[in-house]
């Protein structure tokens, strides 16, 4: 999934049920320019909202190196 449609699907999937996550992802998409590991983003978006929020807010960590790098970018957004 490296085409523009795939990226747009990921952006749509990043719309979550929690306002906090929506705000983080909105800033992230504006700053990233689509430059990221798309497979890692897909795996990250498979997480439930509350687990994802805990990762982004620093209340939880992941042992997955690819996800850790992506979560770091989300935290910085």
N, C-alpha and C. Protein backbone atom coordinates (compact mmCIF):
# COMPACT_ATOMS: atom_id res chain seq x y z
N UNK A 1 0.84 -1.18 0.00
CA UNK A 1 0.00 0.00 0.00
C UNK A 1 0.88 1.24 0.00
N UNK A 2 1.46 1.56 -1.13
CA UNK A 2 2.33 2.73 -1.20
C UNK A 2 1.74 3.82 -2.08
N UNK A 3 0.57 3.58 -2.67
CA UNK A 3 -0.01 4.58 -3.54
C UNK A 3 -0.78 5.63 -2.74
N UNK A 4 -1.22 6.66 -3.43
CA UNK A 4 -1.95 7.74 -2.77
C UNK A 4 -3.25 7.25 -2.16
N UNK A 5 -3.93 6.32 -2.82
CA UNK A 5 -5.19 5.79 -2.27
C UNK A 5 -4.93 5.07 -0.95
N UNK A 6 -3.83 4.33 -0.89
CA UNK A 6 -3.49 3.63 0.34
C UNK A 6 -3.21 4.60 1.47
N UNK A 7 -2.52 5.68 1.17
CA UNK A 7 -2.24 6.69 2.18
C UNK A 7 -3.53 7.36 2.64
N UNK A 8 -4.42 7.63 1.71
CA UNK A 8 -5.70 8.24 2.08
C UNK A 8 -6.52 7.29 2.95
N UNK A 9 -6.46 6.00 2.68
CA UNK A 9 -7.16 5.01 3.52
C UNK A 9 -6.61 5.04 4.94
N UNK A 10 -5.28 5.12 5.06
CA UNK A 10 -4.68 5.19 6.39
C UNK A 10 -5.11 6.47 7.12
N UNK A 11 -5.16 7.56 6.40
CA UNK A 11 -5.61 8.80 7.02
C UNK A 11 -7.05 8.65 7.52
N UNK A 12 -7.89 8.02 6.72
CA UNK A 12 -9.29 7.81 7.12
C UNK A 12 -9.35 6.90 8.35
N UNK A 13 -8.55 5.83 8.34
CA UNK A 13 -8.55 4.90 9.47
C UNK A 13 -8.01 5.54 10.74
N UNK A 14 -7.22 6.58 10.61
CA UNK A 14 -6.67 7.24 11.79
C UNK A 14 -7.69 8.13 12.48
N UNK A 15 -8.83 8.33 11.85
CA UNK A 15 -9.92 9.07 12.51
C UNK A 15 -10.50 8.15 13.57
N UNK A 16 -10.38 8.55 14.81
CA UNK A 16 -10.74 7.67 15.91
C UNK A 16 -11.95 8.20 16.67
N UNK A 17 -12.33 7.47 17.70
CA UNK A 17 -13.46 7.87 18.53
C UNK A 17 -13.08 8.81 19.65
N UNK A 18 -11.80 9.12 19.77
CA UNK A 18 -11.33 9.99 20.84
C UNK A 18 -10.77 11.28 20.26
N UNK A 19 -11.25 12.40 20.73
CA UNK A 19 -10.81 13.70 20.22
C UNK A 19 -9.30 13.87 20.35
N UNK A 20 -8.73 13.41 21.46
CA UNK A 20 -7.29 13.55 21.67
C UNK A 20 -6.50 12.88 20.55
N UNK A 21 -6.91 11.69 20.16
CA UNK A 21 -6.23 10.99 19.08
C UNK A 21 -6.44 11.69 17.74
N UNK A 22 -7.63 12.16 17.51
CA UNK A 22 -7.90 12.88 16.26
C UNK A 22 -6.99 14.10 16.14
N UNK A 23 -6.80 14.82 17.22
CA UNK A 23 -5.94 16.00 17.19
C UNK A 23 -4.49 15.62 16.93
N UNK A 24 -4.01 14.57 17.56
CA UNK A 24 -2.63 14.12 17.36
C UNK A 24 -2.43 13.68 15.92
N UNK A 25 -3.34 12.86 15.40
CA UNK A 25 -3.20 12.38 14.03
C UNK A 25 -3.33 13.51 13.02
N UNK A 26 -4.18 14.47 13.29
CA UNK A 26 -4.32 15.60 12.37
C UNK A 26 -3.00 16.35 12.24
N UNK A 27 -2.36 16.63 13.37
CA UNK A 27 -1.04 17.30 13.33
C UNK A 27 0.00 16.42 12.66
N UNK A 28 -0.04 15.12 12.97
CA UNK A 28 0.93 14.19 12.40
C UNK A 28 0.83 14.17 10.88
N UNK A 29 -0.38 14.06 10.34
CA UNK A 29 -0.53 13.98 8.88
C UNK A 29 -0.08 15.28 8.22
N UNK A 30 -0.31 16.40 8.85
CA UNK A 30 0.13 17.67 8.27
C UNK A 30 1.66 17.77 8.25
N UNK A 31 2.30 17.23 9.29
CA UNK A 31 3.76 17.32 9.40
C UNK A 31 4.50 16.23 8.65
N UNK A 32 3.89 15.05 8.51
CA UNK A 32 4.62 13.90 7.96
C UNK A 32 4.76 13.94 6.45
N UNK A 33 3.79 14.51 5.78
CA UNK A 33 3.82 14.52 4.32
C UNK A 33 3.76 13.12 3.73
N UNK A 34 3.27 12.15 4.51
CA UNK A 34 3.16 10.79 4.01
C UNK A 34 4.46 10.01 4.08
N UNK A 35 5.49 10.60 4.69
CA UNK A 35 6.79 9.96 4.77
C UNK A 35 6.87 9.12 6.04
N UNK A 36 6.52 7.82 5.92
CA UNK A 36 6.54 6.94 7.08
C UNK A 36 6.51 5.49 6.64
N UNK A 37 6.65 4.61 7.60
CA UNK A 37 6.52 3.17 7.37
C UNK A 37 5.03 2.85 7.37
N UNK A 38 4.46 2.63 6.19
CA UNK A 38 3.02 2.42 6.08
C UNK A 38 2.58 1.13 6.76
N UNK A 39 3.41 0.09 6.72
CA UNK A 39 3.04 -1.16 7.39
C UNK A 39 2.97 -0.97 8.89
N UNK A 40 3.90 -0.21 9.44
CA UNK A 40 3.86 0.07 10.88
C UNK A 40 2.62 0.87 11.22
N UNK A 41 2.27 1.84 10.38
CA UNK A 41 1.06 2.63 10.63
C UNK A 41 -0.18 1.75 10.60
N UNK A 42 -0.25 0.82 9.65
CA UNK A 42 -1.39 -0.10 9.60
C UNK A 42 -1.50 -0.89 10.89
N UNK A 43 -0.38 -1.41 11.37
CA UNK A 43 -0.40 -2.20 12.60
C UNK A 43 -0.79 -1.34 13.80
N UNK A 44 -0.30 -0.13 13.83
CA UNK A 44 -0.63 0.78 14.92
C UNK A 44 -2.13 1.08 14.94
N UNK A 45 -2.70 1.28 13.77
CA UNK A 45 -4.12 1.62 13.69
C UNK A 45 -5.03 0.44 13.99
N UNK A 46 -4.48 -0.75 14.09
CA UNK A 46 -5.27 -1.92 14.48
C UNK A 46 -5.53 -1.95 15.99
N UNK A 47 -4.78 -1.16 16.74
CA UNK A 47 -4.94 -1.12 18.19
C UNK A 47 -6.26 -0.45 18.57
N UNK A 48 -6.86 -0.88 19.68
CA UNK A 48 -8.06 -0.18 20.19
C UNK A 48 -7.71 1.26 20.56
N UNK A 49 -8.69 2.13 20.51
CA UNK A 49 -8.48 3.55 20.78
C UNK A 49 -7.76 3.81 22.10
N UNK A 50 -8.21 3.19 23.18
CA UNK A 50 -7.60 3.47 24.48
C UNK A 50 -6.16 3.00 24.57
N UNK A 51 -5.83 1.87 23.96
CA UNK A 51 -4.44 1.40 23.94
C UNK A 51 -3.56 2.35 23.12
N UNK A 52 -4.09 2.80 22.00
CA UNK A 52 -3.36 3.73 21.16
C UNK A 52 -3.15 5.06 21.88
N UNK A 53 -4.16 5.53 22.57
CA UNK A 53 -4.03 6.78 23.33
C UNK A 53 -2.97 6.64 24.42
N UNK A 54 -2.95 5.49 25.10
CA UNK A 54 -1.93 5.28 26.14
C UNK A 54 -0.53 5.32 25.54
N UNK A 55 -0.34 4.75 24.37
CA UNK A 55 0.97 4.80 23.71
C UNK A 55 1.36 6.22 23.36
N UNK A 56 0.44 6.94 22.74
CA UNK A 56 0.72 8.30 22.28
C UNK A 56 0.97 9.25 23.45
N UNK A 57 0.26 9.03 24.55
CA UNK A 57 0.42 9.90 25.72
C UNK A 57 1.59 9.50 26.61
N UNK A 58 2.27 8.40 26.27
CA UNK A 58 3.42 7.98 27.06
C UNK A 58 3.06 7.19 28.30
N UNK A 59 1.81 6.76 28.43
CA UNK A 59 1.40 5.97 29.58
C UNK A 59 1.68 4.49 29.39
N UNK A 60 2.06 4.12 28.17
CA UNK A 60 2.41 2.73 27.85
C UNK A 60 3.52 2.76 26.80
N UNK A 61 4.22 1.67 26.70
CA UNK A 61 5.30 1.54 25.71
C UNK A 61 5.07 0.27 24.90
N UNK A 62 5.70 0.21 23.74
CA UNK A 62 5.63 -0.98 22.91
C UNK A 62 7.02 -1.56 22.75
N UNK A 63 7.09 -2.87 22.64
CA UNK A 63 8.37 -3.52 22.43
C UNK A 63 8.76 -3.61 20.97
N UNK A 64 7.85 -3.25 20.09
CA UNK A 64 8.08 -3.32 18.65
C UNK A 64 8.86 -2.08 18.21
N UNK A 65 10.04 -2.31 17.65
CA UNK A 65 10.93 -1.21 17.26
C UNK A 65 10.29 -0.28 16.23
N UNK A 66 9.61 -0.85 15.23
CA UNK A 66 8.97 -0.02 14.20
C UNK A 66 7.85 0.82 14.79
N UNK A 67 7.05 0.20 15.63
CA UNK A 67 5.96 0.96 16.25
C UNK A 67 6.49 2.01 17.20
N UNK A 68 7.58 1.70 17.90
CA UNK A 68 8.16 2.66 18.83
C UNK A 68 8.60 3.92 18.10
N UNK A 69 9.22 3.76 16.93
CA UNK A 69 9.66 4.91 16.15
C UNK A 69 8.46 5.74 15.69
N UNK A 70 7.42 5.07 15.25
CA UNK A 70 6.23 5.78 14.78
C UNK A 70 5.52 6.48 15.93
N UNK A 71 5.43 5.81 17.07
CA UNK A 71 4.80 6.43 18.25
C UNK A 71 5.60 7.66 18.67
N UNK A 72 6.92 7.58 18.57
CA UNK A 72 7.75 8.75 18.88
C UNK A 72 7.42 9.93 17.98
N UNK A 73 7.20 9.64 16.71
CA UNK A 73 6.83 10.72 15.78
C UNK A 73 5.45 11.28 16.11
N UNK A 74 4.53 10.41 16.52
CA UNK A 74 3.20 10.88 16.91
C UNK A 74 3.28 11.75 18.16
N UNK A 75 4.10 11.35 19.10
CA UNK A 75 4.26 12.14 20.33
C UNK A 75 4.84 13.51 20.04
N UNK A 76 5.72 13.57 19.06
CA UNK A 76 6.36 14.84 18.73
C UNK A 76 5.45 15.76 17.92
N UNK A 77 4.40 15.21 17.34
CA UNK A 77 3.50 16.01 16.49
C UNK A 77 2.68 16.97 17.30
